[in-house]
Amino acid sequence: MDYYTLVILGALIGFLALAALLLVPVYRFLQREDEAARRFTAEYLRRQQAAHPNGADHDETPEPPTQP
């Protein structure tokens, strides 16, 4: 093996190790945030459905009937 080949392989392996060292924590963080968002969404929807069982966005008062 040529000296340049060893340097290239060392640099490539070093780069891949550094990339993994930096990107794995970012990936794990994004996975945790995605799971938290799913849990929040499900919990939020349950609360909204419990607060408004008829499906209305807010409490609407019916309009009074008009007299002819």
PDB file of N, CA and C in Angstrom:
ATOM      1  N   MET A   1       0.830  -1.177   0.000  1.00  0.00           N
ATOM      2  CA  MET A   1       0.000   0.000   0.000  1.00  0.00           C
ATOM      3  C   MET A   1       0.875   1.240   0.000  1.00  0.00           C
ATOM      4  N   ASP A   2       0.426   2.152  -0.733  1.00  0.00           N
ATOM      5  CA  ASP A   2       1.126   3.421  -0.849  1.00  0.00           C
ATOM      6  C   ASP A   2       0.832   4.295   0.373  1.00  0.00           C
ATOM      7  N   TYR A   3       1.727   5.199   0.689  1.00  0.00           N
ATOM      8  CA  TYR A   3       1.547   6.098   1.832  1.00  0.00           C
ATOM      9  C   TYR A   3       0.302   6.957   1.650  1.00  0.00           C
ATOM     10  N   TYR A   4       0.042   7.432   0.440  1.00  0.00           N
ATOM     11  CA  TYR A   4      -1.128   8.278   0.177  1.00  0.00           C
ATOM     12  C   TYR A   4      -2.422   7.511   0.414  1.00  0.00           C
ATOM     13  N   THR A   5      -2.430   6.245   0.096  1.00  0.00           N
ATOM     14  CA  THR A   5      -3.620   5.425   0.314  1.00  0.00           C
ATOM     15  C   THR A   5      -3.931   5.343   1.802  1.00  0.00           C
ATOM     16  N   LEU A   6      -2.906   5.175   2.636  1.00  0.00           N
ATOM     17  CA  LEU A   6      -3.126   5.128   4.081  1.00  0.00           C
ATOM     18  C   LEU A   6      -3.665   6.452   4.608  1.00  0.00           C
ATOM     19  N   VAL A   7      -3.125   7.537   4.084  1.00  0.00           N
ATOM     20  CA  VAL A   7      -3.599   8.853   4.511  1.00  0.00           C
ATOM     21  C   VAL A   7      -5.054   9.054   4.090  1.00  0.00           C
ATOM     22  N   ILE A   8      -5.384   8.672   2.875  1.00  0.00           N
ATOM     23  CA  ILE A   8      -6.758   8.812   2.387  1.00  0.00           C
ATOM     24  C   ILE A   8      -7.704   7.953   3.209  1.00  0.00           C
ATOM     25  N   LEU A   9      -7.341   6.702   3.462  1.00  0.00           N
ATOM     26  CA  LEU A   9      -8.189   5.821   4.271  1.00  0.00           C
ATOM     27  C   LEU A   9      -8.336   6.353   5.694  1.00  0.00           C
ATOM     28  N   GLY A  10      -7.261   6.847   6.278  1.00  0.00           N
ATOM     29  CA  GLY A  10      -7.329   7.419   7.624  1.00  0.00           C
ATOM     30  C   GLY A  10      -8.238   8.629   7.683  1.00  0.00           C
ATOM     31  N   ALA A  11      -8.122   9.495   6.676  1.00  0.00           N
ATOM     32  CA  ALA A  11      -8.967  10.677   6.632  1.00  0.00           C
ATOM     33  C   ALA A  11     -10.430  10.294   6.430  1.00  0.00           C
ATOM     34  N   LEU A  12     -10.674   9.323   5.578  1.00  0.00           N
ATOM     35  CA  LEU A  12     -12.049   8.877   5.329  1.00  0.00           C
ATOM     36  C   LEU A  12     -12.656   8.267   6.585  1.00  0.00           C
ATOM     37  N   ILE A  13     -11.926   7.398   7.246  1.00  0.00           N
ATOM     38  CA  ILE A  13     -12.424   6.779   8.478  1.00  0.00           C
ATOM     39  C   ILE A  13     -12.616   7.835   9.564  1.00  0.00           C
ATOM     40  N   GLY A  14     -11.674   8.760   9.672  1.00  0.00           N
ATOM     41  CA  GLY A  14     -11.805   9.838  10.644  1.00  0.00           C
ATOM     42  C   GLY A  14     -13.015  10.715  10.369  1.00  0.00           C
ATOM     43  N   PHE A  15     -13.253  11.033   9.110  1.00  0.00           N
ATOM     44  CA  PHE A  15     -14.403  11.837   8.747  1.00  0.00           C
ATOM     45  C   PHE A  15     -15.698  11.123   9.076  1.00  0.00           C
ATOM     46  N   LEU A  16     -15.787   9.840   8.753  1.00  0.00           N
ATOM     47  CA  LEU A  16     -16.998   9.073   9.047  1.00  0.00           C
ATOM     48  C   LEU A  16     -17.236   8.966  10.555  1.00  0.00           C
ATOM     49  N   ALA A  17     -16.169   8.772  11.307  1.00  0.00           N
ATOM     50  CA  ALA A  17     -16.307   8.698  12.766  1.00  0.00           C
ATOM     51  C   ALA A  17     -16.772  10.046  13.326  1.00  0.00           C
ATOM     52  N   LEU A  18     -16.220  11.127  12.854  1.00  0.00           N
ATOM     53  CA  LEU A  18     -16.623  12.450  13.315  1.00  0.00           C
ATOM     54  C   LEU A  18     -18.073  12.744  12.928  1.00  0.00           C
ATOM     55  N   ALA A  19     -18.449  12.381  11.721  1.00  0.00           N
ATOM     56  CA  ALA A  19     -19.828  12.596  11.280  1.00  0.00           C
ATOM     57  C   ALA A  19     -20.790  11.803  12.162  1.00  0.00           C
ATOM     58  N   ALA A  20     -20.468  10.563  12.457  1.00  0.00           N
ATOM     59  CA  ALA A  20     -21.320   9.751  13.324  1.00  0.00           C
ATOM     60  C   ALA A  20     -21.382  10.343  14.720  1.00  0.00           C
ATOM     61  N   LEU A  21     -20.234  10.783  15.224  1.00  0.00           N
ATOM     62  CA  LEU A  21     -20.171  11.362  16.562  1.00  0.00           C
ATOM     63  C   LEU A  21     -21.050  12.603  16.674  1.00  0.00           C
ATOM     64  N   LEU A  22     -21.136  13.365  15.615  1.00  0.00           N
ATOM     65  CA  LEU A  22     -21.938  14.583  15.644  1.00  0.00           C
ATOM     66  C   LEU A  22     -23.397  14.356  15.248  1.00  0.00           C
ATOM     67  N   LEU A  23     -23.658  13.444  14.338  1.00  0.00           N
ATOM     68  CA  LEU A  23     -25.016  13.294  13.828  1.00  0.00           C
ATOM     69  C   LEU A  23     -25.885  12.339  14.635  1.00  0.00           C
ATOM     70  N   VAL A  24     -25.313  11.372  15.310  1.00  0.00           N
ATOM     71  CA  VAL A  24     -26.120  10.436  16.097  1.00  0.00           C
ATOM     72  C   VAL A  24     -26.869  11.161  17.217  1.00  0.00           C
ATOM     73  N   PRO A  25     -26.242  12.034  18.001  1.00  0.00           N
ATOM     74  CA  PRO A  25     -27.027  12.756  19.016  1.00  0.00           C
ATOM     75  C   PRO A  25     -28.131  13.640  18.421  1.00  0.00           C
ATOM     76  N   VAL A  26     -27.865  14.241  17.284  1.00  0.00           N
ATOM     77  CA  VAL A  26     -28.887  15.064  16.636  1.00  0.00           C
ATOM     78  C   VAL A  26     -30.062  14.190  16.212  1.00  0.00           C
ATOM     79  N   TYR A  27     -29.780  13.028  15.645  1.00  0.00           N
ATOM     80  CA  TYR A  27     -30.830  12.103  15.228  1.00  0.00           C
ATOM     81  C   TYR A  27     -31.651  11.645  16.431  1.00  0.00           C
ATOM     82  N   ARG A  28     -30.989  11.298  17.519  1.00  0.00           N
ATOM     83  CA  ARG A  28     -31.696  10.853  18.722  1.00  0.00           C
ATOM     84  C   ARG A  28     -32.561  11.976  19.281  1.00  0.00           C
ATOM     85  N   PHE A  29     -32.056  13.201  19.279  1.00  0.00           N
ATOM     86  CA  PHE A  29     -32.835  14.341  19.752  1.00  0.00           C
ATOM     87  C   PHE A  29     -34.085  14.535  18.897  1.00  0.00           C
ATOM     88  N   LEU A  30     -33.946  14.455  17.588  1.00  0.00           N
ATOM     89  CA  LEU A  30     -35.089  14.631  16.701  1.00  0.00           C
ATOM     90  C   LEU A  30     -36.117  13.524  16.892  1.00  0.00           C
ATOM     91  N   GLN A  31     -35.665  12.306  17.143  1.00  0.00           N
ATOM     92  CA  GLN A  31     -36.583  11.198  17.407  1.00  0.00           C
ATOM     93  C   GLN A  31     -37.371  11.454  18.691  1.00  0.00           C
ATOM     94  N   ARG A  32     -36.693  11.924  19.746  1.00  0.00           N
ATOM     95  CA  ARG A  32     -37.381  12.220  21.005  1.00  0.00           C
ATOM     96  C   ARG A  32     -38.398  13.337  20.822  1.00  0.00           C
ATOM     97  N   GLU A  33     -38.036  14.367  20.074  1.00  0.00           N
ATOM     98  CA  GLU A  33     -38.954  15.472  19.831  1.00  0.00           C
ATOM     99  C   GLU A  33     -40.166  15.024  19.015  1.00  0.00           C
ATOM    100  N   ASP A  34     -39.945  14.142  18.057  1.00  0.00           N
ATOM    101  CA  ASP A  34     -41.048  13.628  17.252  1.00  0.00           C
ATOM    102  C   ASP A  34     -42.013  12.833  18.122  1.00  0.00           C
ATOM    103  N   GLU A  35     -41.480  12.012  19.006  1.00  0.00           N
ATOM    104  CA  GLU A  35     -42.327  11.228  19.910  1.00  0.00           C
ATOM    105  C   GLU A  35     -43.082  12.150  20.868  1.00  0.00           C
ATOM    106  N   ALA A  36     -42.430  13.180  21.387  1.00  0.00           N
ATOM    107  CA  ALA A  36     -43.096  14.127  22.279  1.00  0.00           C
ATOM    108  C   ALA A  36     -44.212  14.861  21.540  1.00  0.00           C
ATOM    109  N   ALA A  37     -43.993  15.193  20.295  1.00  0.00           N
ATOM    110  CA  ALA A  37     -45.026  15.873  19.503  1.00  0.00           C
ATOM    111  C   ALA A  37     -46.224  14.956  19.294  1.00  0.00           C
ATOM    112  N   ARG A  38     -45.985  13.685  19.050  1.00  0.00           N
ATOM    113  CA  ARG A  38     -47.093  12.733  18.888  1.00  0.00           C
ATOM    114  C   ARG A  38     -47.890  12.609  20.179  1.00  0.00           C
ATOM    115  N   ARG A  39     -47.176  12.500  21.306  1.00  0.00           N
ATOM    116  CA  ARG A  39     -47.875  12.391  22.594  1.00  0.00           C
ATOM    117  C   ARG A  39     -48.661  13.659  22.880  1.00  0.00           C
ATOM    118  N   PHE A  40     -48.083  14.809  22.624  1.00  0.00           N
ATOM    119  CA  PHE A  40     -48.772  16.079  22.867  1.00  0.00           C
ATOM    120  C   PHE A  40     -50.021  16.170  22.014  1.00  0.00           C
ATOM    121  N   THR A  41     -49.922  15.778  20.772  1.00  0.00           N
ATOM    122  CA  THR A  41     -51.059  15.870  19.869  1.00  0.00           C
ATOM    123  C   THR A  41     -52.190  14.970  20.346  1.00  0.00           C
ATOM    124  N   ALA A  42     -51.877  13.736  20.721  1.00  0.00           N
ATOM    125  CA  ALA A  42     -52.909  12.815  21.185  1.00  0.00           C
ATOM    126  C   ALA A  42     -53.537  13.322  22.481  1.00  0.00           C
ATOM    127  N   GLU A  43     -52.713  13.804  23.397  1.00  0.00           N
ATOM    128  CA  GLU A  43     -53.235  14.321  24.661  1.00  0.00           C
ATOM    129  C   GLU A  43     -54.094  15.570  24.418  1.00  0.00           C
ATOM    130  N   TYR A  44     -53.615  16.446  23.556  1.00  0.00           N
ATOM    131  CA  TYR A  44     -54.357  17.666  23.247  1.00  0.00           C
ATOM    132  C   TYR A  44     -55.715  17.336  22.623  1.00  0.00           C
ATOM    133  N   LEU A  45     -55.733  16.388  21.694  1.00  0.00           N
ATOM    134  CA  LEU A  45     -56.995  16.021  21.059  1.00  0.00           C
ATOM    135  C   LEU A  45     -57.962  15.403  22.060  1.00  0.00           C
ATOM    136  N   ARG A  46     -57.453  14.569  22.981  1.00  0.00           N
ATOM    137  CA  ARG A  46     -58.324  13.994  24.000  1.00  0.00           C
ATOM    138  C   ARG A  46     -58.936  15.091  24.873  1.00  0.00           C
ATOM    139  N   ARG A  47     -58.126  16.062  25.261  1.00  0.00           N
ATOM    140  CA  ARG A  47     -58.637  17.155  26.090  1.00  0.00           C
ATOM    141  C   ARG A  47     -59.686  17.974  25.339  1.00  0.00           C
ATOM    142  N   GLN A  48     -59.429  18.259  24.068  1.00  0.00           N
ATOM    143  CA  GLN A  48     -60.379  19.034  23.281  1.00  0.00           C
ATOM    144  C   GLN A  48     -61.694  18.282  23.097  1.00  0.00           C
ATOM    145  N   GLN A  49     -61.605  16.973  22.880  1.00  0.00           N
ATOM    146  CA  GLN A  49     -62.821  16.189  22.709  1.00  0.00           C
ATOM    147  C   GLN A  49     -63.595  16.092  24.015  1.00  0.00           C
ATOM    148  N   ALA A  50     -62.882  16.033  25.135  1.00  0.00           N
ATOM    149  CA  ALA A  50     -63.569  15.999  26.424  1.00  0.00           C
ATOM    150  C   ALA A  50     -64.208  17.351  26.728  1.00  0.00           C
ATOM    151  N   ALA A  51     -63.553  18.435  26.353  1.00  0.00           N
ATOM    152  CA  ALA A  51     -64.084  19.765  26.626  1.00  0.00           C
ATOM    153  C   ALA A  51     -65.253  20.108  25.709  1.00  0.00           C
ATOM    154  N   HIS A  52     -65.231  19.615  24.484  1.00  0.00           N
ATOM    155  CA  HIS A  52     -66.277  19.913  23.501  1.00  0.00           C
ATOM    156  C   HIS A  52     -66.768  18.611  22.877  1.00  0.00           C
ATOM    157  N   PRO A  53     -67.591  17.855  23.592  1.00  0.00           N
ATOM    158  CA  PRO A  53     -68.006  16.540  23.076  1.00  0.00           C
ATOM    159  C   PRO A  53     -68.884  16.611  21.833  1.00  0.00           C
ATOM    160  N   ASN A  54     -69.535  17.745  21.586  1.00  0.00           N
ATOM    161  CA  ASN A  54     -70.407  17.830  20.410  1.00  0.00           C
ATOM    162  C   ASN A  54     -69.643  18.198  19.148  1.00  0.00           C
ATOM    163  N   GLY A  55     -68.347  18.468  19.253  1.00  0.00           N
ATOM    164  CA  GLY A  55     -67.534  18.772  18.089  1.00  0.00           C
ATOM    165  C   GLY A  55     -67.420  20.248  17.771  1.00  0.00           C
ATOM    166  N   ALA A  56     -68.050  21.094  18.564  1.00  0.00           N
ATOM    167  CA  ALA A  56     -67.977  22.537  18.315  1.00  0.00           C
ATOM    168  C   ALA A  56     -66.616  23.064  18.739  1.00  0.00           C
ATOM    169  N   ASP A  57     -66.146  24.076  18.022  1.00  0.00           N
ATOM    170  CA  ASP A  57     -64.869  24.684  18.371  1.00  0.00           C
ATOM    171  C   ASP A  57     -64.970  25.501  19.648  1.00  0.00           C
ATOM    172  N   HIS A  58     -66.091  26.131  19.859  1.00  0.00           N
ATOM    173  CA  HIS A  58     -66.296  26.930  21.059  1.00  0.00           C
ATOM    174  C   HIS A  58     -67.779  26.885  21.400  1.00  0.00           C
ATOM    175  N   ASP A  59     -68.092  27.335  22.581  1.00  0.00           N
ATOM    176  CA  ASP A  59     -69.494  27.326  23.008  1.00  0.00           C
ATOM    177  C   ASP A  59     -70.257  28.395  22.241  1.00  0.00           C
ATOM    178  N   GLU A  60     -71.147  27.953  21.412  1.00  0.00           N
ATOM    179  CA  GLU A  60     -71.942  28.880  20.628  1.00  0.00           C
ATOM    180  C   GLU A  60     -73.316  29.007  21.269  1.00  0.00           C
ATOM    181  N   THR A  61     -73.768  30.218  21.411  1.00  0.00           N
ATOM    182  CA  THR A  61     -75.120  30.416  21.907  1.00  0.00           C
ATOM    183  C   THR A  61     -76.054  30.436  20.726  1.00  0.00           C
ATOM    184  N   PRO A  62     -77.171  29.739  20.826  1.00  0.00           N
ATOM    185  CA  PRO A  62     -78.086  29.730  19.675  1.00  0.00           C
ATOM    186  C   PRO A  62     -78.711  31.100  19.488  1.00  0.00           C
ATOM    187  N   GLU A  63     -78.969  31.417  18.250  1.00  0.00           N
ATOM    188  CA  GLU A  63     -79.599  32.701  17.955  1.00  0.00           C
ATOM    189  C   GLU A  63     -81.055  32.658  18.411  1.00  0.00           C
ATOM    190  N   PRO A  64     -81.524  33.749  18.977  1.00  0.00           N
ATOM    191  CA  PRO A  64     -82.918  33.755  19.401  1.00  0.00           C
ATOM    192  C   PRO A  64     -83.845  33.703  18.188  1.00  0.00           C
ATOM    193  N   PRO A  65     -84.946  33.051  18.337  1.00  0.00           N
ATOM    194  CA  PRO A  65     -85.859  32.973  17.185  1.00  0.00           C
ATOM    195  C   PRO A  65     -86.408  34.362  16.833  1.00  0.00           C
ATOM    196  N   THR A  66     -86.585  34.577  15.563  1.00  0.00           N
ATOM    197  CA  THR A  66     -87.129  35.866  15.107  1.00  0.00           C
ATOM    198  C   THR A  66     -88.628  35.811  15.098  1.00  0.00           C
ATOM    199  N   GLN A  67     -89.257  36.907  15.444  1.00  0.00           N
ATOM    200  CA  GLN A  67     -90.725  36.964  15.443  1.00  0.00           C
ATOM    201  C   GLN A  67     -91.189  37.590  14.140  1.00  0.00           C
ATOM    202  N   PRO A  68     -92.212  36.996  13.521  1.00  0.00           N
ATOM    203  CA  PRO A  68     -92.704  37.546  12.240  1.00  0.00           C
ATOM    204  C   PRO A  68     -93.479  38.799  12.367  1.00  0.00           C
TER     205      PRO A  68
END
